[in-house]
Protein backbone atom coordinates (compact mmCIF):
# COMPACT_ATOMS: atom_id res chain seq x y z
CA MET A 1 17.75 -16.36 -34.54
CA GLN A 2 15.38 -18.52 -32.50
CA THR A 3 15.44 -19.16 -28.78
CA ALA A 4 13.59 -21.93 -26.97
CA ILE A 5 13.04 -21.74 -23.20
CA VAL A 6 12.27 -25.32 -22.28
CA GLY A 7 11.20 -27.46 -19.37
CA GLY A 8 9.85 -24.83 -17.00
CA THR A 9 6.47 -24.22 -15.40
CA VAL A 10 5.13 -21.67 -17.87
CA VAL A 11 2.52 -19.22 -16.55
CA PRO A 12 1.22 -17.42 -19.67
CA VAL A 13 -1.39 -15.40 -17.66
CA GLU A 14 -3.78 -15.67 -20.62
CA GLY A 15 -4.24 -19.40 -20.33
CA SER A 16 -3.53 -22.19 -17.88
CA PRO A 17 -0.03 -22.89 -16.54
CA VAL A 18 1.96 -25.48 -18.47
CA VAL A 19 4.28 -27.77 -16.52
CA GLY A 20 7.32 -28.70 -18.57
CA GLY A 21 6.38 -26.13 -21.19
CA THR A 22 8.30 -24.41 -23.94
CA VAL A 23 8.34 -20.76 -25.01
CA LEU A 24 9.64 -20.27 -28.54
CA ILE A 25 11.04 -16.86 -29.52
CA GLN A 26 12.01 -15.50 -32.92
CA ASN A 27 13.06 -11.96 -33.84
CA GLY A 28 12.12 -10.67 -30.41
CA ARG A 29 8.58 -12.04 -30.45
CA ILE A 30 6.89 -15.09 -28.97
CA THR A 31 5.96 -17.55 -31.68
CA ALA A 32 4.69 -20.52 -29.65
CA VAL A 33 3.86 -21.50 -26.06
CA GLY A 34 2.88 -24.97 -24.86
CA ALA A 35 3.80 -28.46 -23.78
CA GLU A 36 4.21 -29.93 -27.27
CA VAL A 37 6.19 -27.18 -28.96
CA ALA A 38 8.97 -28.56 -31.13
CA VAL A 39 12.37 -26.94 -30.77
CA PRO A 40 13.63 -26.01 -34.25
CA PRO A 41 17.09 -27.20 -35.28
CA GLY A 42 19.75 -24.63 -34.48
CA ALA A 43 17.66 -22.76 -31.90
CA GLU A 44 19.42 -21.54 -28.78
CA VAL A 45 18.05 -23.60 -25.90
CA VAL A 46 17.59 -22.14 -22.39
CA ASP A 47 17.02 -24.83 -19.78
CA ALA A 48 14.27 -23.77 -17.35
CA ARG A 49 13.71 -27.16 -15.72
CA GLY A 50 12.68 -26.77 -12.09
CA ARG A 51 12.00 -23.08 -12.63
CA TRP A 52 9.03 -20.88 -13.52
CA VAL A 53 8.61 -18.78 -16.67
CA LEU A 54 6.36 -15.71 -16.58
CA PRO A 55 5.81 -12.50 -18.52
CA GLY A 56 7.78 -9.55 -17.22
CA PHE A 57 5.89 -7.82 -14.45
CA VAL A 58 4.41 -4.38 -15.11
CA ASP A 59 4.20 -1.64 -12.48
CA ALA A 60 1.85 0.98 -13.89
CA HIS A 61 2.47 3.68 -11.24
CA THR A 62 6.04 4.69 -10.43
CA HIS A 63 8.27 7.74 -10.42
CA MET A 64 11.25 5.76 -11.62
CA GLY A 65 14.02 7.85 -13.09
CA THR A 66 12.29 11.12 -12.10
CA LEU A 67 12.65 10.68 -8.33
CA GLU A 68 16.02 9.00 -8.31
CA GLU A 69 17.34 6.87 -5.51
CA GLY A 70 20.38 8.10 -3.59
CA GLU A 71 20.44 11.46 -5.38
CA GLY A 72 18.42 13.72 -3.08
CA LEU A 73 17.40 17.08 -4.52
CA ALA A 74 19.69 16.60 -7.52
CA GLY A 75 17.59 13.68 -8.71
CA ASP A 76 14.14 14.97 -7.69
CA ASP A 77 12.36 16.03 -10.88
CA HIS A 78 8.92 14.51 -10.45
CA ASP A 79 6.93 17.46 -9.05
CA GLU A 80 6.77 20.82 -10.86
CA ALA A 81 5.00 22.26 -7.84
CA THR A 82 4.94 25.86 -9.05
CA ALA A 83 1.47 26.04 -10.65
CA PRO A 84 -1.70 24.00 -10.04
CA VAL A 85 -2.14 23.10 -13.73
CA THR A 86 0.91 21.84 -15.65
CA ALA A 87 -0.71 19.57 -18.23
CA GLN A 88 2.01 20.43 -20.76
CA LEU A 89 4.69 18.59 -18.78
CA ARG A 90 5.93 15.17 -19.86
CA ALA A 91 7.40 12.73 -17.35
CA LEU A 92 9.51 11.44 -20.24
CA ASP A 93 11.61 14.61 -20.16
CA ALA A 94 12.68 14.03 -16.55
CA ILE A 95 13.68 10.35 -16.65
CA ASN A 96 17.28 9.39 -15.96
CA HIS A 97 17.48 5.96 -17.58
CA LEU A 98 20.55 5.17 -15.45
CA ASP A 99 18.63 5.47 -12.17
CA HIS A 100 19.49 2.50 -9.96
CA GLY A 101 15.78 1.84 -9.55
CA PHE A 102 15.64 0.33 -13.04
CA ARG A 103 18.28 -2.23 -12.09
CA ASP A 104 16.44 -3.22 -8.94
CA ALA A 105 13.13 -3.44 -10.82
CA ILE A 106 14.56 -5.90 -13.34
CA GLY A 107 16.03 -7.95 -10.49
CA GLY A 108 12.49 -8.23 -9.12
CA GLY A 109 11.03 -9.33 -12.44
CA VAL A 110 9.57 -5.90 -13.31
CA LEU A 111 10.43 -5.23 -16.96
CA ALA A 112 8.06 -2.33 -17.71
CA VAL A 113 6.79 0.61 -15.70
CA GLY A 114 4.49 3.57 -15.99
CA VAL A 115 6.29 6.74 -14.94
CA ASN A 116 4.03 9.50 -13.61
CA PRO A 117 4.63 13.09 -12.58
CA GLY A 118 4.15 13.72 -8.85
CA SER A 119 0.96 14.56 -6.99
CA CYS A 120 1.34 18.14 -5.75
CA ASN A 121 -0.58 19.58 -8.69
CA PRO A 122 -4.25 18.97 -9.42
CA ILE A 123 -3.16 18.45 -13.04
CA ALA A 124 0.47 17.37 -13.20
CA GLY A 125 1.29 16.29 -16.77
CA GLU A 126 1.63 13.35 -19.11
CA THR A 127 2.68 9.88 -18.03
CA VAL A 128 4.79 7.47 -20.08
CA ALA A 129 5.09 3.68 -20.35
CA ILE A 130 8.67 2.43 -20.69
CA ARG A 131 10.74 -0.72 -20.47
CA CYS A 132 13.30 -0.93 -17.69
CA ALA A 133 16.41 -1.35 -19.86
CA GLY A 134 17.81 0.49 -22.83
CA ARG A 135 20.67 2.68 -24.02
CA SER A 136 18.43 5.74 -23.72
CA VAL A 137 15.00 6.52 -22.38
CA ASP A 138 13.78 7.07 -25.95
CA GLU A 139 14.78 3.49 -26.77
CA MET A 140 12.86 2.28 -23.71
CA VAL A 141 9.53 3.96 -24.57
CA LEU A 142 6.53 1.70 -25.10
CA ARG A 143 3.90 4.44 -25.26
CA SER A 144 4.10 8.21 -24.87
CA PRO A 145 1.93 9.73 -23.65
CA ALA A 146 0.25 6.93 -21.73
CA GLY A 147 -2.06 9.08 -19.61
CA MET A 148 -2.61 12.40 -17.85
CA LYS A 149 -1.75 12.57 -14.15
CA SER A 150 -4.14 14.36 -11.82
CA ALA A 151 -4.29 14.52 -8.02
CA LEU A 152 -7.08 14.96 -5.51
CA GLY A 153 -6.91 15.06 -1.74
CA GLU A 154 -4.19 15.79 0.77
CA ASN A 155 -1.17 16.38 -1.45
CA PRO A 156 -2.33 19.36 -3.54
CA LYS A 157 -4.44 20.62 -0.65
CA LYS A 158 -1.42 20.78 1.66
CA HIS A 159 1.07 22.10 -0.90
CA TYR A 160 -1.01 25.03 -2.11
CA GLY A 161 -2.75 25.55 1.24
CA ASP A 162 0.61 25.99 2.98
CA ALA A 163 1.45 28.60 0.34
CA GLY A 164 -1.88 30.38 0.84
CA ARG A 165 -2.87 29.81 -2.77
CA LEU A 166 -5.76 28.25 -4.65
CA PRO A 167 -6.47 25.36 -4.25
CA SER A 168 -6.35 24.89 -0.51
CA THR A 169 -9.53 22.80 -0.18
CA ARG A 170 -11.05 19.81 -1.93
CA MET A 171 -13.64 22.01 -3.62
CA GLY A 172 -10.81 24.25 -4.79
CA ILE A 173 -8.95 21.32 -6.31
CA ALA A 174 -12.06 20.15 -8.18
CA ALA A 175 -12.73 23.70 -9.39
CA VAL A 176 -9.18 24.05 -10.76
CA ILE A 177 -9.51 20.76 -12.65
CA ARG A 178 -12.98 21.63 -13.96
CA GLN A 179 -11.85 25.05 -15.20
CA ALA A 180 -8.83 23.61 -16.99
CA LEU A 181 -10.88 20.91 -18.70
CA ALA A 182 -13.60 23.36 -19.71
CA GLU A 183 -11.01 25.64 -21.29
CA ALA A 184 -9.38 22.71 -23.04
CA ARG A 185 -12.73 21.61 -24.45
CA GLU A 186 -13.38 25.10 -25.80
CA TYR A 187 -9.85 25.27 -27.21
CA ASP A 188 -10.21 21.89 -28.94
CA GLU A 189 -13.48 22.96 -30.52
CA ALA A 190 -11.92 26.22 -31.72
CA ARG A 191 -8.94 24.38 -33.19
CA ARG A 192 -11.38 22.53 -35.46
CA THR A 193 -12.74 25.81 -36.88
CA ALA A 194 -11.33 28.58 -39.03
CA SER A 195 -10.43 30.64 -35.96
CA ARG A 196 -7.65 28.21 -34.95
CA PRO A 197 -6.21 29.82 -31.80
CA ALA A 198 -2.50 29.86 -31.08
CA ILE A 199 -1.12 26.55 -29.90
CA ASP A 200 -1.32 25.99 -26.14
CA LEU A 201 0.62 22.87 -25.17
CA GLY A 202 -1.30 22.37 -21.93
CA LYS A 203 -4.68 22.56 -23.61
CA GLU A 204 -3.43 20.32 -26.43
CA ALA A 205 -2.49 17.70 -23.83
CA LEU A 206 -5.85 17.92 -22.07
CA ALA A 207 -7.64 17.66 -25.41
CA ARG A 208 -6.11 14.20 -25.83
CA VAL A 209 -7.92 13.19 -22.65
CA LEU A 210 -11.20 14.70 -23.82
CA ARG A 211 -10.86 12.87 -27.13
CA ARG A 212 -10.27 9.66 -25.12
CA GLU A 213 -6.87 9.11 -26.70
CA ILE A 214 -5.27 8.68 -23.26
CA PRO A 215 -6.80 7.97 -19.83
CA TRP A 216 -7.07 10.34 -16.89
CA ARG A 217 -4.82 8.89 -14.15
CA GLN A 218 -6.44 10.07 -10.92
CA HIS A 219 -4.36 10.02 -7.73
CA CYS A 220 -6.94 9.56 -4.97
CA HIS A 221 -7.14 7.59 -1.73
CA ARG A 222 -10.32 8.54 0.15
CA ALA A 223 -13.73 7.34 -0.92
CA ASP A 224 -15.06 10.90 -1.26
CA ASP A 225 -12.16 11.85 -3.54
CA ILE A 226 -12.79 8.76 -5.66
CA LEU A 227 -16.42 9.83 -6.07
CA THR A 228 -15.28 13.33 -7.07
CA ALA A 229 -13.05 11.71 -9.71
CA VAL A 230 -16.04 9.78 -11.07
CA ARG A 231 -18.16 12.93 -11.05
CA LEU A 232 -15.60 14.85 -13.10
CA ALA A 233 -15.15 11.97 -15.54
CA ASP A 234 -18.92 11.78 -16.06
CA GLU A 235 -19.06 15.53 -16.64
CA PHE A 236 -16.31 15.62 -19.27
CA GLY A 237 -16.61 12.12 -20.72
CA TYR A 238 -13.04 10.85 -20.43
CA ASP A 239 -11.61 7.44 -19.49
CA LEU A 240 -10.78 7.32 -15.78
CA VAL A 241 -8.25 5.18 -13.94
CA VAL A 242 -8.10 5.32 -10.13
CA ASP A 243 -4.53 5.35 -8.88
CA HIS A 244 -3.86 4.27 -5.26
CA GLY A 245 -7.54 3.70 -4.40
CA THR A 246 -6.97 3.03 -0.70
CA GLU A 247 -10.72 3.28 0.01
CA ALA A 248 -11.91 2.13 -3.41
CA HIS A 249 -13.48 -0.95 -1.84
CA LEU A 250 -15.91 1.34 0.01
CA VAL A 251 -17.34 2.60 -3.30
CA ALA A 252 -16.68 -0.51 -5.38
CA ASP A 253 -20.25 -0.64 -6.71
CA VAL A 254 -19.84 2.81 -8.29
CA LEU A 255 -16.55 1.84 -9.90
CA VAL A 256 -17.98 -1.40 -11.25
CA GLU A 257 -20.99 0.44 -12.69
CA HIS A 258 -18.65 2.80 -14.55
CA GLY A 259 -16.11 0.14 -15.55
CA ILE A 260 -13.23 1.98 -13.85
CA PRO A 261 -10.02 0.04 -13.10
CA VAL A 262 -8.07 0.52 -9.87
CA LEU A 263 -4.30 0.57 -9.39
CA LEU A 264 -4.03 -0.35 -5.73
CA GLY A 265 -0.97 0.56 -3.72
CA PRO A 266 1.55 0.98 -2.41
CA LEU A 267 0.60 -1.54 0.27
CA ILE A 268 3.86 -2.15 2.15
CA VAL A 269 3.70 1.24 3.84
CA GLY A 270 2.61 2.69 7.16
CA ARG A 271 -0.45 4.88 7.60
CA GLY A 272 1.56 8.08 7.39
CA LYS A 273 -1.41 10.32 6.57
CA VAL A 274 -5.14 10.38 7.14
CA GLU A 275 -5.90 9.17 3.61
CA LEU A 276 -4.18 5.86 4.38
CA ARG A 277 -6.10 4.96 7.51
CA ASN A 278 -7.93 2.15 5.69
CA ARG A 279 -4.84 0.76 3.93
CA ALA A 280 -4.90 -3.06 4.10
CA PHE A 281 -3.78 -6.02 1.97
CA ARG A 282 -7.29 -7.47 2.10
CA ASN A 283 -8.51 -4.52 0.02
CA ALA A 284 -7.11 -6.25 -3.06
CA ARG A 285 -9.40 -9.23 -2.50
CA LEU A 286 -12.38 -6.98 -1.82
CA LEU A 287 -11.87 -5.08 -5.08
CA ALA A 288 -11.37 -8.23 -7.14
CA GLU A 289 -14.41 -9.93 -5.64
CA ALA A 290 -16.49 -6.86 -6.46
CA GLY A 291 -15.57 -7.28 -10.13
CA ILE A 292 -13.07 -4.43 -10.49
CA GLU A 293 -10.10 -4.81 -12.85
CA LEU A 294 -7.28 -4.71 -10.32
CA SER A 295 -3.62 -3.83 -10.68
CA LEU A 296 -1.04 -3.61 -7.91
CA VAL A 297 1.51 -0.79 -7.89
CA THR A 298 4.49 0.24 -5.77
CA ASP A 299 4.62 4.02 -6.35
CA HIS A 300 8.40 3.48 -6.59
CA PRO A 301 10.47 4.74 -4.80
CA VAL A 302 7.81 4.92 -2.06
CA ILE A 303 8.44 1.19 -1.95
CA PRO A 304 10.99 -0.35 -4.34
CA ALA A 305 9.51 -1.74 -7.55
CA ASN A 306 11.34 -5.03 -7.01
CA LEU A 307 8.87 -5.69 -4.16
CA LEU A 308 5.88 -5.72 -6.51
CA HIS A 309 5.68 -9.52 -6.42
CA VAL A 310 5.93 -9.44 -2.60
CA GLN A 311 2.88 -7.17 -2.46
CA ALA A 312 1.06 -9.68 -4.65
CA ALA A 313 2.12 -12.52 -2.36
CA TYR A 314 0.84 -10.70 0.73
CA ALA A 315 -2.45 -9.94 -1.04
CA VAL A 316 -2.81 -13.66 -1.84
CA ARG A 317 -2.11 -14.44 1.80
CA GLU A 318 -5.10 -12.20 2.63
CA GLY A 319 -7.42 -14.00 0.21
CA LEU A 320 -6.72 -12.65 -3.28
CA ASP A 321 -7.02 -15.38 -5.92
CA ARG A 322 -3.62 -16.43 -7.28
CA ASP A 323 -4.59 -16.05 -10.93
CA VAL A 324 -5.98 -12.60 -10.23
CA ALA A 325 -2.76 -11.69 -8.43
CA PHE A 326 -0.68 -12.62 -11.47
CA ARG A 327 -2.96 -10.60 -13.76
CA ALA A 328 -2.70 -7.67 -11.35
CA ILE A 329 1.06 -7.41 -11.96
CA THR A 330 1.11 -8.28 -15.66
CA LEU A 331 -1.81 -8.02 -18.06
CA ASN A 332 -4.07 -5.59 -16.18
CA PRO A 333 -1.45 -2.85 -15.71
CA ALA A 334 -0.35 -3.37 -19.32
CA ARG A 335 -3.94 -2.61 -20.34
CA VAL A 336 -4.00 0.57 -18.27
CA LEU A 337 -0.80 1.70 -19.97
CA GLY A 338 -2.24 0.86 -23.39
CA VAL A 339 0.44 -1.70 -24.24
CA ALA A 340 -1.33 -5.02 -23.63
CA ASP A 341 -1.02 -5.81 -27.32
CA ARG A 342 2.75 -6.03 -26.80
CA ILE A 343 3.44 -7.17 -23.21
CA GLY A 344 1.72 -8.56 -20.12
CA SER A 345 1.25 -12.20 -21.13
CA LEU A 346 3.03 -15.01 -22.95
CA VAL A 347 1.01 -15.15 -26.15
CA PRO A 348 2.25 -15.72 -29.71
CA GLY A 349 2.75 -12.41 -31.44
CA LYS A 350 3.63 -10.44 -28.31
CA ASP A 351 7.10 -9.15 -27.51
CA ALA A 352 9.28 -11.69 -25.72
CA ASP A 353 9.53 -9.75 -22.44
CA LEU A 354 9.74 -12.48 -19.82
CA CYS A 355 11.51 -13.75 -16.72
CA ILE A 356 12.71 -17.12 -15.48
CA TRP A 357 12.20 -17.48 -11.72
CA SER A 358 13.77 -19.92 -9.28
CA GLY A 359 10.23 -20.92 -8.29
CA ASP A 360 6.76 -19.50 -7.72
CA PRO A 361 7.06 -15.67 -7.61
CA LEU A 362 4.24 -15.58 -5.06
CA ASP A 363 6.70 -17.15 -2.64
CA PRO A 364 8.80 -14.16 -1.45
CA MET A 365 11.78 -16.50 -1.02
CA GLN A 366 12.02 -17.01 -4.79
CA ARG A 367 13.99 -14.74 -7.11
CA ALA A 368 14.13 -13.76 -10.76
CA GLU A 369 17.17 -15.51 -12.24
CA GLN A 370 17.03 -14.40 -15.86
CA ALA A 371 15.16 -11.68 -17.72
CA PHE A 372 14.64 -11.13 -21.43
CA ILE A 373 13.35 -8.04 -23.25
CA ARG A 374 12.36 -8.59 -26.88
CA GLY A 375 14.09 -11.93 -26.64
CA GLN A 376 17.45 -10.45 -25.56
CA GLU A 377 18.84 -11.32 -22.15
CA VAL A 378 18.98 -8.21 -19.95
CA PHE A 379 19.58 -9.79 -16.54
CA ARG A 380 21.20 -12.85 -15.01
CA TRP A 381 21.63 -13.90 -11.38
CA ASN A 382 24.13 -16.34 -9.98
CA ASN A 383 25.45 -17.18 -6.55
CA THR A 384 27.93 -14.30 -6.44
CA HIS A 385 26.37 -11.34 -8.26
CA ARG A 386 23.71 -9.99 -10.55
CA THR A 387 24.56 -8.86 -14.07
CA GLY A 388 22.60 -6.63 -16.41
CA PHE A 389 23.03 -6.50 -20.19
CA ILE A 390 22.07 -4.10 -22.97
CA ASN A 391 22.34 -5.47 -26.49
CA GLY A 392 24.56 -8.26 -25.20
CA THR A 393 27.00 -5.90 -23.48
CA GLU A 394 27.42 -6.02 -19.71
CA TRP A 395 25.76 -2.97 -18.25
CA TRP A 396 26.12 -3.47 -14.51
CA THR A 397 27.00 -6.06 -11.90
């Protein structure tokens, strides 16, 4: 079965926008994009005239399905705040795929998310990249694991400090991380020899980081914490991603030198703690102009994932280049999650995960009107209600 989305303003992200373009889909993959694409006989035609066609947005830092909306304690499974090092945990095991947040995300054009454990622990566990619709979370998985979550700064300091336990200071947090990584390195070396120690799931998980199979996802806001993250990455030789990065612009030269991407956000929040005192939309422009690979994130449910495009719009208002803004909510976060070969742009060969918008998504007055995952419609908006579909069956209204 082939589908042709015709007549819209196509923004492929990798390439220039095409006015009156066509996106051709077959067997869940994009086969052609352009202005002169012929529609094959018998193809299902979707009329996108007067509308915009973009890849599904990607929010690389959320707690979707693990910190559920409207569920209180019953739906709070994102922080195993009982030990400073819980590398063996997998966010995947805590995700409720029926969390209402997934519905809202799709309605805001977000079709894939990274789900992270929380930030109480210096080492919190494995992250996962998933799509936002499916009959089960296992069906939704794009990559697992997609990273290892770690936290510096106020959150672990306060949690364990209030309990009178190590770590209660920034040097304590760094020491806990360093000790865990050193032990994992020793364990990984021993596993390669005849001694072969008993399996330790936490050390196995950290060994994936040390072997550079997955990135180290570092929660940090303050400039000094960001520099500590770089110091640890240099010491142990792993791939570092800065999550949040509120003051990353103050040490942008260091991040550029090391080739470290930044996931900036959430931005539509107040300065509720000291680490956020330099939170500003203009920081996105400053990071991009410095040459840093920038992504924007919501930290859902801190702010709802369906506001990801609104954050991008506000960042553009404060000087961020429009093309960079689109990359920051599509291709760049897909790269961080390790799934850019499948999603994040409208390129032949990639999965047909895309949205049709009423107009320019960088205008907050516009809305996503249709969404497709692997070429199958998963969302439709009309004047009376929104409808979600899974495998052609109505899922919610």
